[in-house]
Amino acid sequence: MDTLLHNGDFLLDSRGLPQTVDGKAELAQRAMIRLICRKGGFAPNPKLGSELYRLKRGPAAQMNRAAQGYVMDALAPMAGAKAGEITCRYDPEEDRIELSLELALGEASTLLEVNL
């Protein structure tokens, strides 16, 4: 069981207490944390995170291939989590890459969206 995160903070219930998450939702949250944190940026565990911040802007097919490697590396320590289809889209107005990832968690799957 973990504490539920939302927009980088704890999600609180009606009493002002942190909500918890478990099961598939907890695994999806752990995968998201691995994807959005910079690898090496968390001193107690320098292997936690990804190198998606290195993703270069360019044609979608090129970004998709590069992102696949970064995602697989970040999720490798998570037993039972497997990256499926990855789609990257570059928004030049925001200078942001939007990454969508189909994440398989055992027999279930979920869609994760990361903004870089």
N, C-alpha and C. Protein backbone atom coordinates (compact mmCIF):
# COMPACT_ATOMS: atom_id res chain seq x y z
N MET A 1 0.85 -1.16 0.00
CA MET A 1 0.00 0.00 0.00
C MET A 1 0.90 1.24 0.00
N ASP A 2 0.48 2.24 -0.73
CA ASP A 2 1.24 3.48 -0.85
C ASP A 2 0.29 4.67 -0.69
N THR A 3 0.85 5.85 -0.58
CA THR A 3 0.05 7.08 -0.51
C THR A 3 -0.22 7.55 -1.93
N LEU A 4 -1.45 7.90 -2.21
CA LEU A 4 -1.86 8.32 -3.54
C LEU A 4 -1.34 9.73 -3.84
N LEU A 5 -0.68 9.86 -4.98
CA LEU A 5 -0.13 11.15 -5.41
C LEU A 5 -0.99 11.73 -6.53
N HIS A 6 -1.07 13.07 -6.54
CA HIS A 6 -1.80 13.76 -7.59
C HIS A 6 -1.12 15.11 -7.82
N ASN A 7 -0.68 15.35 -9.03
CA ASN A 7 0.02 16.60 -9.38
C ASN A 7 1.19 16.88 -8.45
N GLY A 8 1.94 15.82 -8.11
CA GLY A 8 3.14 15.99 -7.30
C GLY A 8 2.92 16.15 -5.82
N ASP A 9 1.71 15.93 -5.34
CA ASP A 9 1.42 16.08 -3.92
C ASP A 9 0.51 14.94 -3.48
N PHE A 10 0.33 14.78 -2.18
CA PHE A 10 -0.57 13.76 -1.67
C PHE A 10 -2.01 14.16 -1.95
N LEU A 11 -2.81 13.19 -2.35
CA LEU A 11 -4.24 13.43 -2.54
C LEU A 11 -4.93 13.18 -1.21
N LEU A 12 -5.66 14.17 -0.73
CA LEU A 12 -6.29 14.10 0.58
C LEU A 12 -7.76 13.71 0.47
N ASP A 13 -8.25 13.02 1.51
CA ASP A 13 -9.66 12.68 1.55
C ASP A 13 -10.46 13.82 2.18
N SER A 14 -11.74 13.62 2.42
CA SER A 14 -12.60 14.67 2.96
C SER A 14 -12.20 15.10 4.37
N ARG A 15 -11.43 14.25 5.07
CA ARG A 15 -10.97 14.59 6.42
C ARG A 15 -9.61 15.28 6.41
N GLY A 16 -9.03 15.43 5.22
CA GLY A 16 -7.71 16.04 5.12
C GLY A 16 -6.57 15.06 5.30
N LEU A 17 -6.88 13.77 5.29
CA LEU A 17 -5.85 12.74 5.46
C LEU A 17 -5.44 12.20 4.10
N PRO A 18 -4.17 11.80 3.95
CA PRO A 18 -3.72 11.24 2.67
C PRO A 18 -4.48 9.96 2.33
N GLN A 19 -4.87 9.85 1.06
CA GLN A 19 -5.53 8.65 0.58
C GLN A 19 -4.47 7.60 0.25
N THR A 20 -4.86 6.35 0.29
CA THR A 20 -3.93 5.28 -0.04
C THR A 20 -4.32 4.65 -1.37
N VAL A 21 -3.37 3.93 -1.92
CA VAL A 21 -3.57 3.25 -3.19
C VAL A 21 -2.91 1.88 -3.08
N ASP A 22 -3.51 0.88 -3.73
CA ASP A 22 -2.90 -0.44 -3.74
C ASP A 22 -3.26 -1.16 -5.03
N GLY A 23 -2.77 -2.36 -5.18
CA GLY A 23 -3.07 -3.16 -6.35
C GLY A 23 -2.50 -2.58 -7.64
N LYS A 24 -3.28 -2.70 -8.71
CA LYS A 24 -2.84 -2.25 -10.02
C LYS A 24 -2.58 -0.75 -10.04
N ALA A 25 -3.40 0.02 -9.34
CA ALA A 25 -3.22 1.48 -9.30
C ALA A 25 -1.90 1.84 -8.62
N GLU A 26 -1.52 1.10 -7.60
CA GLU A 26 -0.24 1.35 -6.93
C GLU A 26 0.92 1.05 -7.87
N LEU A 27 0.84 -0.06 -8.60
CA LEU A 27 1.90 -0.40 -9.56
C LEU A 27 2.01 0.66 -10.65
N ALA A 28 0.86 1.13 -11.12
CA ALA A 28 0.87 2.19 -12.15
C ALA A 28 1.51 3.46 -11.60
N GLN A 29 1.21 3.81 -10.35
CA GLN A 29 1.81 5.00 -9.74
C GLN A 29 3.32 4.83 -9.60
N ARG A 30 3.76 3.65 -9.19
CA ARG A 30 5.21 3.40 -9.07
C ARG A 30 5.89 3.49 -10.42
N ALA A 31 5.24 2.99 -11.46
CA ALA A 31 5.81 3.10 -12.80
C ALA A 31 5.91 4.56 -13.22
N MET A 32 4.87 5.34 -12.94
CA MET A 32 4.88 6.77 -13.29
C MET A 32 6.02 7.49 -12.56
N ILE A 33 6.23 7.18 -11.30
CA ILE A 33 7.32 7.79 -10.54
C ILE A 33 8.65 7.47 -11.20
N ARG A 34 8.84 6.21 -11.61
CA ARG A 34 10.08 5.82 -12.28
C ARG A 34 10.27 6.57 -13.59
N LEU A 35 9.19 6.88 -14.28
CA LEU A 35 9.29 7.55 -15.57
C LEU A 35 9.56 9.05 -15.43
N ILE A 36 8.96 9.70 -14.46
CA ILE A 36 9.08 11.16 -14.39
C ILE A 36 10.29 11.64 -13.59
N CYS A 37 10.82 10.79 -12.71
CA CYS A 37 12.02 11.19 -11.95
C CYS A 37 13.27 11.03 -12.81
N ARG A 38 14.18 11.98 -12.69
CA ARG A 38 15.45 11.87 -13.39
C ARG A 38 16.32 10.81 -12.74
N LYS A 39 16.83 9.90 -13.55
CA LYS A 39 17.70 8.85 -13.03
C LYS A 39 18.92 9.51 -12.38
N GLY A 40 19.23 9.08 -11.16
CA GLY A 40 20.35 9.64 -10.42
C GLY A 40 19.98 10.82 -9.57
N GLY A 41 18.74 11.29 -9.64
CA GLY A 41 18.32 12.48 -8.91
C GLY A 41 17.82 12.22 -7.49
N PHE A 42 17.71 10.95 -7.10
CA PHE A 42 17.23 10.61 -5.76
C PHE A 42 18.36 9.91 -5.04
N ALA A 43 19.05 10.63 -4.15
CA ALA A 43 20.27 10.15 -3.52
C ALA A 43 20.15 8.78 -2.83
N PRO A 44 19.06 8.49 -2.10
CA PRO A 44 18.98 7.18 -1.46
C PRO A 44 18.93 6.01 -2.45
N ASN A 45 18.48 6.27 -3.68
CA ASN A 45 18.42 5.23 -4.71
C ASN A 45 18.74 5.85 -6.06
N PRO A 46 20.03 6.00 -6.40
CA PRO A 46 20.41 6.66 -7.65
C PRO A 46 19.97 5.91 -8.92
N LYS A 47 19.56 4.65 -8.79
CA LYS A 47 19.10 3.89 -9.96
C LYS A 47 17.63 4.14 -10.27
N LEU A 48 16.93 4.79 -9.33
CA LEU A 48 15.51 5.09 -9.53
C LEU A 48 15.36 6.20 -10.56
N GLY A 49 14.41 6.05 -11.46
CA GLY A 49 14.12 7.10 -12.43
C GLY A 49 14.41 6.68 -13.85
N SER A 50 14.29 7.64 -14.74
CA SER A 50 14.51 7.38 -16.16
C SER A 50 15.41 8.46 -16.75
N GLU A 51 15.78 8.23 -17.97
CA GLU A 51 16.55 9.21 -18.72
C GLU A 51 15.69 9.83 -19.83
N LEU A 52 14.38 9.82 -19.64
CA LEU A 52 13.48 10.42 -20.63
C LEU A 52 13.76 11.90 -20.82
N TYR A 53 14.35 12.56 -19.83
CA TYR A 53 14.70 13.98 -19.97
C TYR A 53 15.71 14.20 -21.10
N ARG A 54 16.39 13.15 -21.53
CA ARG A 54 17.38 13.25 -22.62
C ARG A 54 16.72 13.16 -24.01
N LEU A 55 15.45 12.84 -24.04
CA LEU A 55 14.74 12.63 -25.30
C LEU A 55 14.81 13.88 -26.17
N LYS A 56 15.36 13.72 -27.36
CA LYS A 56 15.51 14.85 -28.29
C LYS A 56 14.24 15.04 -29.10
N ARG A 57 13.92 16.31 -29.34
CA ARG A 57 12.77 16.63 -30.17
C ARG A 57 13.11 16.27 -31.62
N GLY A 58 12.12 15.76 -32.32
CA GLY A 58 12.33 15.38 -33.71
C GLY A 58 11.11 14.66 -34.25
N PRO A 59 11.31 13.90 -35.34
CA PRO A 59 10.19 13.14 -35.90
C PRO A 59 9.65 12.14 -34.87
N ALA A 60 8.35 11.94 -34.89
CA ALA A 60 7.69 11.07 -33.91
C ALA A 60 8.29 9.68 -33.88
N ALA A 61 8.56 9.09 -35.04
CA ALA A 61 9.11 7.73 -35.08
C ALA A 61 10.46 7.67 -34.38
N GLN A 62 11.28 8.67 -34.56
CA GLN A 62 12.59 8.72 -33.92
C GLN A 62 12.44 8.87 -32.40
N MET A 63 11.55 9.74 -31.97
CA MET A 63 11.31 9.92 -30.53
C MET A 63 10.74 8.64 -29.91
N ASN A 64 9.83 7.97 -30.62
CA ASN A 64 9.23 6.73 -30.11
C ASN A 64 10.30 5.66 -29.87
N ARG A 65 11.23 5.51 -30.83
CA ARG A 65 12.29 4.50 -30.68
C ARG A 65 13.19 4.82 -29.49
N ALA A 66 13.60 6.07 -29.37
CA ALA A 66 14.47 6.47 -28.26
C ALA A 66 13.74 6.31 -26.93
N ALA A 67 12.49 6.71 -26.88
CA ALA A 67 11.70 6.61 -25.65
C ALA A 67 11.55 5.16 -25.22
N GLN A 68 11.43 4.25 -26.16
CA GLN A 68 11.28 2.82 -25.84
C GLN A 68 12.44 2.34 -24.97
N GLY A 69 13.65 2.70 -25.34
CA GLY A 69 14.82 2.28 -24.57
C GLY A 69 14.84 2.88 -23.18
N TYR A 70 14.53 4.18 -23.08
CA TYR A 70 14.51 4.84 -21.78
C TYR A 70 13.44 4.24 -20.86
N VAL A 71 12.27 3.96 -21.43
CA VAL A 71 11.17 3.41 -20.65
C VAL A 71 11.50 1.99 -20.18
N MET A 72 12.02 1.17 -21.07
CA MET A 72 12.36 -0.20 -20.70
C MET A 72 13.40 -0.23 -19.58
N ASP A 73 14.39 0.66 -19.66
CA ASP A 73 15.42 0.75 -18.63
C ASP A 73 14.82 1.17 -17.29
N ALA A 74 13.93 2.15 -17.31
CA ALA A 74 13.32 2.65 -16.07
C ALA A 74 12.42 1.61 -15.40
N LEU A 75 11.71 0.83 -16.20
CA LEU A 75 10.75 -0.13 -15.66
C LEU A 75 11.35 -1.51 -15.40
N ALA A 76 12.59 -1.73 -15.81
CA ALA A 76 13.22 -3.05 -15.66
C ALA A 76 13.17 -3.60 -14.23
N PRO A 77 13.40 -2.78 -13.20
CA PRO A 77 13.35 -3.33 -11.83
C PRO A 77 11.95 -3.70 -11.34
N MET A 78 10.92 -3.34 -12.07
CA MET A 78 9.54 -3.62 -11.63
C MET A 78 9.07 -4.96 -12.20
N ALA A 79 9.02 -5.96 -11.34
CA ALA A 79 8.53 -7.26 -11.76
C ALA A 79 7.06 -7.15 -12.15
N GLY A 80 6.71 -7.72 -13.28
CA GLY A 80 5.31 -7.73 -13.70
C GLY A 80 4.87 -6.53 -14.51
N ALA A 81 5.73 -5.52 -14.66
CA ALA A 81 5.39 -4.33 -15.46
C ALA A 81 6.13 -4.40 -16.78
N LYS A 82 5.39 -4.22 -17.86
CA LYS A 82 5.99 -4.29 -19.19
C LYS A 82 5.44 -3.17 -20.06
N ALA A 83 6.35 -2.47 -20.72
CA ALA A 83 5.95 -1.37 -21.60
C ALA A 83 5.39 -1.93 -22.90
N GLY A 84 4.26 -1.40 -23.30
CA GLY A 84 3.67 -1.75 -24.58
C GLY A 84 3.95 -0.64 -25.57
N GLU A 85 2.93 -0.26 -26.31
CA GLU A 85 3.07 0.77 -27.33
C GLU A 85 3.38 2.13 -26.69
N ILE A 86 4.38 2.80 -27.27
CA ILE A 86 4.77 4.13 -26.82
C ILE A 86 4.57 5.10 -27.97
N THR A 87 3.91 6.23 -27.68
CA THR A 87 3.68 7.25 -28.68
C THR A 87 4.14 8.59 -28.14
N CYS A 88 5.00 9.28 -28.89
CA CYS A 88 5.47 10.60 -28.51
C CYS A 88 4.93 11.64 -29.48
N ARG A 89 4.59 12.79 -28.93
CA ARG A 89 4.14 13.92 -29.74
C ARG A 89 4.80 15.17 -29.19
N TYR A 90 5.39 15.95 -30.11
CA TYR A 90 6.05 17.19 -29.70
C TYR A 90 5.12 18.37 -29.93
N ASP A 91 4.96 19.20 -28.89
CA ASP A 91 4.16 20.42 -28.97
C ASP A 91 5.13 21.60 -28.99
N PRO A 92 5.39 22.18 -30.17
CA PRO A 92 6.38 23.26 -30.26
C PRO A 92 5.97 24.53 -29.52
N GLU A 93 4.68 24.80 -29.41
CA GLU A 93 4.23 26.00 -28.70
C GLU A 93 4.58 25.94 -27.22
N GLU A 94 4.48 24.76 -26.63
CA GLU A 94 4.79 24.56 -25.22
C GLU A 94 6.22 24.05 -25.03
N ASP A 95 6.90 23.71 -26.13
CA ASP A 95 8.21 23.06 -26.10
C ASP A 95 8.16 21.87 -25.14
N ARG A 96 7.17 20.99 -25.40
CA ARG A 96 6.92 19.87 -24.52
C ARG A 96 6.68 18.61 -25.36
N ILE A 97 7.21 17.50 -24.86
CA ILE A 97 6.94 16.20 -25.46
C ILE A 97 5.87 15.52 -24.62
N GLU A 98 4.84 15.05 -25.28
CA GLU A 98 3.79 14.29 -24.60
C GLU A 98 3.99 12.82 -24.96
N LEU A 99 4.21 12.00 -23.95
CA LEU A 99 4.47 10.58 -24.15
C LEU A 99 3.30 9.78 -23.60
N SER A 100 2.75 8.88 -24.42
CA SER A 100 1.69 7.97 -23.98
C SER A 100 2.26 6.56 -24.02
N LEU A 101 1.97 5.80 -22.97
CA LEU A 101 2.54 4.47 -22.83
C LEU A 101 1.47 3.50 -22.37
N GLU A 102 1.32 2.42 -23.08
CA GLU A 102 0.44 1.33 -22.66
C GLU A 102 1.27 0.45 -21.73
N LEU A 103 0.90 0.39 -20.46
CA LEU A 103 1.65 -0.36 -19.47
C LEU A 103 0.90 -1.63 -19.11
N ALA A 104 1.54 -2.78 -19.33
CA ALA A 104 0.96 -4.06 -18.96
C ALA A 104 1.37 -4.40 -17.54
N LEU A 105 0.38 -4.68 -16.71
CA LEU A 105 0.61 -5.06 -15.31
C LEU A 105 -0.01 -6.43 -15.11
N GLY A 106 0.76 -7.46 -15.40
CA GLY A 106 0.21 -8.81 -15.37
C GLY A 106 -0.77 -8.95 -16.52
N GLU A 107 -1.99 -9.33 -16.22
CA GLU A 107 -3.01 -9.49 -17.26
C GLU A 107 -3.77 -8.21 -17.55
N ALA A 108 -3.62 -7.22 -16.70
CA ALA A 108 -4.31 -5.94 -16.90
C ALA A 108 -3.35 -4.95 -17.56
N SER A 109 -3.91 -3.88 -18.09
CA SER A 109 -3.07 -2.83 -18.66
C SER A 109 -3.69 -1.47 -18.36
N THR A 110 -2.86 -0.46 -18.42
CA THR A 110 -3.32 0.90 -18.17
C THR A 110 -2.54 1.85 -19.05
N LEU A 111 -3.10 3.01 -19.30
CA LEU A 111 -2.45 4.02 -20.13
C LEU A 111 -1.83 5.07 -19.21
N LEU A 112 -0.54 5.33 -19.40
CA LEU A 112 0.16 6.37 -18.66
C LEU A 112 0.49 7.49 -19.62
N GLU A 113 0.38 8.73 -19.16
CA GLU A 113 0.74 9.89 -19.97
C GLU A 113 1.73 10.74 -19.19
N VAL A 114 2.86 11.04 -19.84
CA VAL A 114 3.94 11.79 -19.22
C VAL A 114 4.24 13.01 -20.07
N ASN A 115 4.37 14.17 -19.45
CA ASN A 115 4.76 15.39 -20.15
C ASN A 115 6.21 15.68 -19.81
N LEU A 116 7.00 15.86 -20.85
CA LEU A 116 8.44 16.11 -20.67
C LEU A 116 8.81 17.48 -21.18
